[in-house]
Structures are given as C-alpha cells and as structure tokens.
Amino acid sequence: MTAASKINPKTFGAIHASRKQIAGLADDTAWRALLVRVTGKDSLRTMTGPQLGKVIDELHRQGARKTPPKRAFKGRTRKLADSDQAQKIRALWLALWHLGCIADSSEEALAAFVKRQAKVDALEWLPADKAAGVIEALKGWLARPAGKGGGGVSWSSQPPISDRQAVVEAQWRRLLDLDAIAQPHIGWWDMAYRMRAAPAAPQFYSTKDWDSVIAVYGRFIRKALAKAQAGRKDADG
C-alpha cells in the first residue's frame, strides 16, 4: 500500500484548490520546486500525511485561504482570465512577490489591485486599453527603487534583455544588498545553475527556466527580508 492510498482524497483536492489561489503556481516547475523545498519530494502522491500538512501550511502562508471561496458565475465555474495581457499582468504581480514588494501573491490580492487601478471587478472583464494601463502601473512599481517599495527593475538595459531577465538581475542586486549571497563574486547564472534551477547559460533558458530562477531567488529574498525584520525586532527589544 502506497502512502497516497492511505490519504483522504479530499486532502489532495484541498491542496490543489489552494494552489490555484497562488499566482505562479500553475507552472509545474514552480509547483514542484515548492514541493521539494517544503518536503524533499516533488509529488503529492509520494508524501505522508504530515508532509502534505506541511504543503498546506506553506500554501496558507503564501496567501491561500483555508476555505477557498467558490467561483460560481451564472451557474457555472468562472475560469481565470488567460489572455496574453492577463498572463502578463500575473507575471508582473508575481515578480513583485518574488522581489519582496508585496506580502500576498494570491489571485484575490491581484484582483483587488486591478480594481483599484482600473475600476473593474475582475481581471477577465478588463478591456485591452485598461489592461495596458495596469501593465504599465505594475512595471512602474517594479522599476521604483527597493528603498521606496519597488523592485529596482531596469526595463531599459543595454543591450536589451527580456523582462524576465530584468527581474532576475534586479533580484540578484536585491540579494547582494541584503548580504544574502555567500559567494557574491559569482554571477547570478552560476548560482542558478548550482541550485539546479536552470541550464548553465541564460541563452539556453526556456520560459520555464526563467520562472524557476525567479521563484528560487524569490524564496531567498523573502527569507533574507524576514531575517532582517527579525533582527530589527531583536534590536528594538
């Protein structure tokens, strides 16, 4: 009898429902990276009950609700917006999360931001012109200096680079500023390769590779920020 056969099937359903609430975890590489980080295993079916509990706790820590709301709409399940603009908006929102700019990466938090920016209740109802405005607002937020709540992303690097690479390079600068890199003399691509997050050279990266690197460095940034905050509390106490 496998470990999975002893687990209530509702447990797997609850985990996948929570997964859907976290921007970025629809990507299989990012999802399996989270599982390995939390439990050392990359499949729910091979986990024990306590390990599944750790996964659930991590998803709740990242913003998933303990009782996810139903997404009923006119008698059917509402699908998340999947247009090119919607995917771009989610990618930029997730970049803010992975640069330590926001504390909640959930779909609900993104919807609240979109409503404030565009006065539209749901991302799937966002017209193209307003979606473009939301994208520019997110890119502007990411471009602000880290000391002013932004991510310090440079969108106009020379020679030109992809948006994902711009985010990774900003993450690396952030990690260096936080003194979170044990070997600061190496390049961010070397560290990504050593962490098995991507191939040895960026020119061989796929979109999933870039997203994997962003997710790995995002965890480092959040850990470093939490450590810095704890240090400040100790100093104040």
Protein backbone atom coordinates (compact mmCIF):
# COMPACT_ATOMS: atom_id res chain seq x y z
CA MET A 1 0.00 0.00 0.00
CA THR A 2 1.43 3.37 -1.03
CA ALA A 3 1.48 6.47 1.16
CA ALA A 4 -1.09 8.10 -1.11
CA SER A 5 -3.57 5.22 -0.73
CA LYS A 6 -3.85 5.97 2.98
CA ILE A 7 -4.67 9.66 2.45
CA ASN A 8 -8.20 11.02 2.21
CA PRO A 9 -8.69 12.11 -1.45
CA LYS A 10 -10.20 15.37 -0.17
CA THR A 11 -6.75 16.32 1.10
CA PHE A 12 -5.37 16.36 -2.45
CA GLY A 13 -8.38 18.36 -3.61
CA ALA A 14 -7.83 20.92 -0.86
CA ILE A 15 -4.17 21.29 -1.80
CA HIS A 16 -4.91 21.83 -5.48
CA ALA A 17 -7.67 24.32 -4.62
CA SER A 18 -5.18 26.28 -2.52
CA ARG A 19 -2.54 26.02 -5.24
CA LYS A 20 -4.87 27.76 -7.71
CA GLN A 21 -5.05 30.79 -5.39
CA ILE A 22 -1.30 31.48 -5.57
CA ALA A 23 -0.13 33.36 -8.65
CA GLY A 24 2.64 31.48 -10.42
CA LEU A 25 2.00 28.01 -9.06
CA ALA A 26 0.05 26.96 -12.14
CA ASP A 27 3.50 26.50 -13.65
CA ASP A 28 4.52 22.88 -13.00
CA THR A 29 8.21 23.72 -12.50
CA ALA A 30 7.43 26.31 -9.83
CA TRP A 31 4.95 23.94 -8.17
CA ARG A 32 7.40 21.04 -7.96
CA ALA A 33 10.13 23.38 -6.74
CA LEU A 34 7.84 24.38 -3.86
CA LEU A 35 7.10 20.74 -3.03
CA VAL A 36 10.78 19.82 -2.98
CA ARG A 37 11.67 22.82 -0.84
CA VAL A 38 8.99 22.01 1.74
CA THR A 39 9.12 18.20 1.84
CA GLY A 40 12.05 16.98 -0.26
CA LYS A 41 9.60 15.24 -2.63
CA ASP A 42 8.24 16.52 -5.96
CA SER A 43 4.94 14.61 -6.00
CA LEU A 44 1.98 14.76 -3.62
CA ARG A 45 1.28 11.07 -4.24
CA THR A 46 4.55 10.02 -2.61
CA MET A 47 4.07 12.11 0.53
CA THR A 48 2.97 11.11 4.00
CA GLY A 49 0.15 12.83 5.85
CA PRO A 50 2.49 15.11 7.83
CA GLN A 51 4.31 16.10 4.63
CA LEU A 52 1.04 17.00 2.94
CA GLY A 53 0.24 19.07 6.02
CA LYS A 54 3.48 20.99 5.51
CA VAL A 55 2.49 21.74 1.92
CA ILE A 56 -0.91 23.02 3.06
CA ASP A 57 0.71 25.20 5.72
CA GLU A 58 3.10 26.69 3.14
CA LEU A 59 0.25 27.48 0.74
CA HIS A 60 -1.66 29.20 3.53
CA ARG A 61 1.49 31.13 4.45
CA GLN A 62 1.71 32.36 0.87
CA GLY A 63 -1.85 33.67 0.96
CA ALA A 64 -4.20 30.80 0.12
CA ARG A 65 -7.42 30.88 2.09
CA LYS A 66 -8.15 27.99 4.42
CA THR A 67 -11.65 27.75 2.94
CA PRO A 68 -11.35 28.86 -0.71
CA PRO A 69 -14.37 30.81 -1.98
CA LYS A 70 -16.44 29.26 -4.74
CA ARG A 71 -16.02 30.91 -8.13
CA ALA A 72 -19.60 30.43 -9.32
CA PHE A 73 -20.75 32.75 -12.13
CA LYS A 74 -24.16 32.43 -13.72
CA GLY A 75 -24.44 28.78 -12.76
CA ARG A 76 -21.00 27.73 -13.98
CA THR A 77 -17.43 27.85 -12.81
CA ARG A 78 -15.69 31.09 -13.67
CA LYS A 79 -12.41 30.50 -15.49
CA LEU A 80 -9.44 32.70 -14.74
CA ALA A 81 -8.58 35.18 -17.47
CA ASP A 82 -5.95 33.71 -19.77
CA SER A 83 -5.41 36.36 -22.44
CA ASP A 84 -1.86 37.44 -23.23
CA GLN A 85 -2.41 40.66 -21.27
CA ALA A 86 -3.84 38.80 -18.27
CA GLN A 87 -0.87 36.44 -18.24
CA LYS A 88 1.49 39.44 -18.42
CA ILE A 89 -0.31 41.07 -15.50
CA ARG A 90 0.00 37.89 -13.42
CA ALA A 91 3.69 37.55 -14.30
CA LEU A 92 4.39 41.12 -13.19
CA TRP A 93 2.37 40.63 -10.00
CA LEU A 94 4.35 37.51 -9.23
CA ALA A 95 7.58 39.42 -9.92
CA LEU A 96 6.58 41.88 -7.19
CA TRP A 97 6.12 38.92 -4.83
CA HIS A 98 9.48 37.46 -5.74
CA LEU A 99 11.20 40.82 -5.20
CA GLY A 100 9.70 41.20 -1.74
CA CYS A 101 7.47 44.14 -2.72
CA ILE A 102 4.15 42.55 -1.72
CA ALA A 103 3.14 40.15 1.04
CA ASP A 104 0.21 38.50 -0.75
CA SER A 105 0.58 36.98 -4.22
CA SER A 106 -2.92 35.47 -4.37
CA GLU A 107 -5.39 35.92 -7.21
CA GLU A 108 -7.67 37.78 -4.81
CA ALA A 109 -4.96 40.31 -3.96
CA LEU A 110 -4.24 40.81 -7.66
CA ALA A 111 -7.95 41.34 -8.34
CA ALA A 112 -8.06 43.99 -5.62
CA PHE A 113 -5.10 45.79 -7.21
CA VAL A 114 -6.72 45.66 -10.65
CA LYS A 115 -9.95 47.06 -9.22
CA ARG A 116 -8.10 49.98 -7.64
CA GLN A 117 -6.23 50.71 -10.85
CA ALA A 118 -8.89 50.13 -13.48
CA LYS A 119 -12.19 50.21 -11.54
CA VAL A 120 -13.02 46.76 -12.95
CA ASP A 121 -14.14 43.97 -10.60
CA ALA A 122 -12.39 41.03 -12.27
CA LEU A 123 -9.34 40.52 -14.44
CA GLU A 124 -11.35 38.60 -17.04
CA TRP A 125 -13.53 41.67 -17.60
CA LEU A 126 -10.60 44.02 -18.16
CA PRO A 127 -10.68 45.65 -21.64
CA ALA A 128 -7.43 45.84 -23.60
CA ASP A 129 -6.84 49.55 -23.04
CA LYS A 130 -7.26 49.28 -19.28
CA ALA A 131 -5.16 46.11 -19.18
CA ALA A 132 -2.34 48.05 -20.83
CA GLY A 133 -2.65 50.67 -18.09
CA VAL A 134 -2.46 48.01 -15.37
CA ILE A 135 0.65 46.54 -17.01
CA GLU A 136 2.35 49.93 -17.07
CA ALA A 137 1.39 50.55 -13.43
CA LEU A 138 2.92 47.23 -12.39
CA LYS A 139 6.08 47.85 -14.41
CA GLY A 140 6.36 51.29 -12.85
CA TRP A 141 6.06 49.79 -9.37
CA LEU A 142 8.73 47.22 -10.19
CA ALA A 143 11.02 49.96 -11.52
CA ARG A 144 10.91 52.01 -8.33
CA PRO A 145 13.99 51.71 -6.08
CA ALA A 146 13.84 48.96 -3.47
CA GLY A 147 14.20 51.58 -0.75
CA LYS A 148 10.94 53.16 -1.94
CA GLY A 149 8.86 49.99 -2.02
CA GLY A 150 9.77 48.95 -5.55
CA GLY A 151 11.81 46.17 -7.06
CA GLY A 152 14.63 48.16 -8.65
CA VAL A 153 14.00 46.57 -12.06
CA SER A 154 15.65 48.24 -15.05
CA TRP A 155 13.44 47.83 -18.11
CA SER A 156 15.83 49.68 -20.43
CA SER A 157 19.08 47.75 -20.07
CA GLN A 158 21.68 47.94 -22.82
CA PRO A 159 21.95 45.68 -24.67
CA PRO A 160 18.21 44.94 -24.43
CA ILE A 161 17.21 41.92 -22.35
CA SER A 162 13.93 40.10 -21.74
CA ASP A 163 11.57 41.24 -19.00
CA ARG A 164 12.22 38.04 -17.07
CA GLN A 165 15.97 38.57 -17.17
CA ALA A 166 15.46 42.15 -16.00
CA VAL A 167 13.57 40.78 -12.98
CA VAL A 168 16.27 38.19 -12.23
CA GLU A 169 19.03 40.81 -12.39
CA ALA A 170 17.03 43.03 -10.01
CA GLN A 171 16.62 40.06 -7.67
CA TRP A 172 20.35 39.47 -7.68
CA ARG A 173 21.05 43.12 -6.83
CA ARG A 174 18.49 42.87 -4.05
CA LEU A 175 20.13 39.75 -2.63
CA LEU A 176 23.53 41.42 -2.72
CA ASP A 177 22.12 44.48 -0.93
CA LEU A 178 20.64 42.16 1.71
CA ASP A 179 24.01 40.42 2.10
CA ALA A 180 22.22 37.15 1.35
CA ILE A 181 24.73 35.67 -1.11
CA ALA A 182 27.51 33.61 0.45
CA GLN A 183 29.64 33.89 -2.71
CA PRO A 184 28.91 37.37 -4.11
CA HIS A 185 31.78 37.13 -6.61
CA ILE A 186 29.91 34.60 -8.76
CA GLY A 187 27.23 35.54 -11.28
CA TRP A 188 23.51 35.04 -10.81
CA TRP A 189 23.52 32.46 -13.64
CA ASP A 190 26.22 30.43 -11.87
CA MET A 191 24.17 30.37 -8.70
CA ALA A 192 21.03 29.38 -10.64
CA TYR A 193 22.93 26.50 -12.24
CA ARG A 194 24.36 25.36 -8.90
CA MET A 195 20.84 25.39 -7.46
CA ARG A 196 19.71 23.25 -10.43
CA ALA A 197 17.12 25.88 -11.27
CA ALA A 198 18.21 26.31 -14.90
CA PRO A 199 20.84 25.39 -17.52
CA ALA A 200 24.40 26.68 -17.26
CA ALA A 201 23.94 29.66 -19.60
CA PRO A 202 20.99 32.10 -19.88
CA GLN A 203 20.93 31.88 -23.68
CA PHE A 204 19.66 28.32 -23.29
CA TYR A 205 16.86 29.22 -20.85
CA SER A 206 13.25 28.44 -21.67
CA THR A 207 10.42 30.49 -20.20
CA LYS A 208 10.01 27.80 -17.53
CA ASP A 209 13.71 28.06 -16.70
CA TRP A 210 13.42 31.82 -16.17
CA ASP A 211 10.35 31.34 -13.98
CA SER A 212 12.17 28.67 -11.98
CA VAL A 213 15.12 31.01 -11.33
CA ILE A 214 12.77 33.84 -10.36
CA ALA A 215 10.95 31.53 -7.91
CA VAL A 216 14.21 30.32 -6.33
CA TYR A 217 15.61 33.82 -5.88
CA GLY A 218 12.23 34.99 -4.62
CA ARG A 219 12.41 32.49 -1.77
CA PHE A 220 15.91 33.71 -0.93
CA ILE A 221 14.73 37.32 -0.87
CA ARG A 222 11.73 36.62 1.36
CA LYS A 223 13.92 34.62 3.74
CA ALA A 224 16.51 37.42 3.87
CA LEU A 225 13.83 40.07 4.44
CA ALA A 226 12.27 38.00 7.25
CA LYS A 227 15.70 37.60 8.84
CA ALA A 228 16.37 41.33 8.60
CA GLN A 229 12.98 42.12 10.12
CA ALA A 230 13.59 39.69 12.99
CA GLY A 231 16.96 41.35 13.61
CA ARG A 232 15.35 44.77 13.82
CA LYS A 233 12.78 43.47 16.31
CA ASP A 234 15.54 41.98 18.46
CA ALA A 235 17.43 45.28 18.36
CA ASP A 236 14.32 47.24 19.35
CA GLY A 237 13.53 44.78 22.12
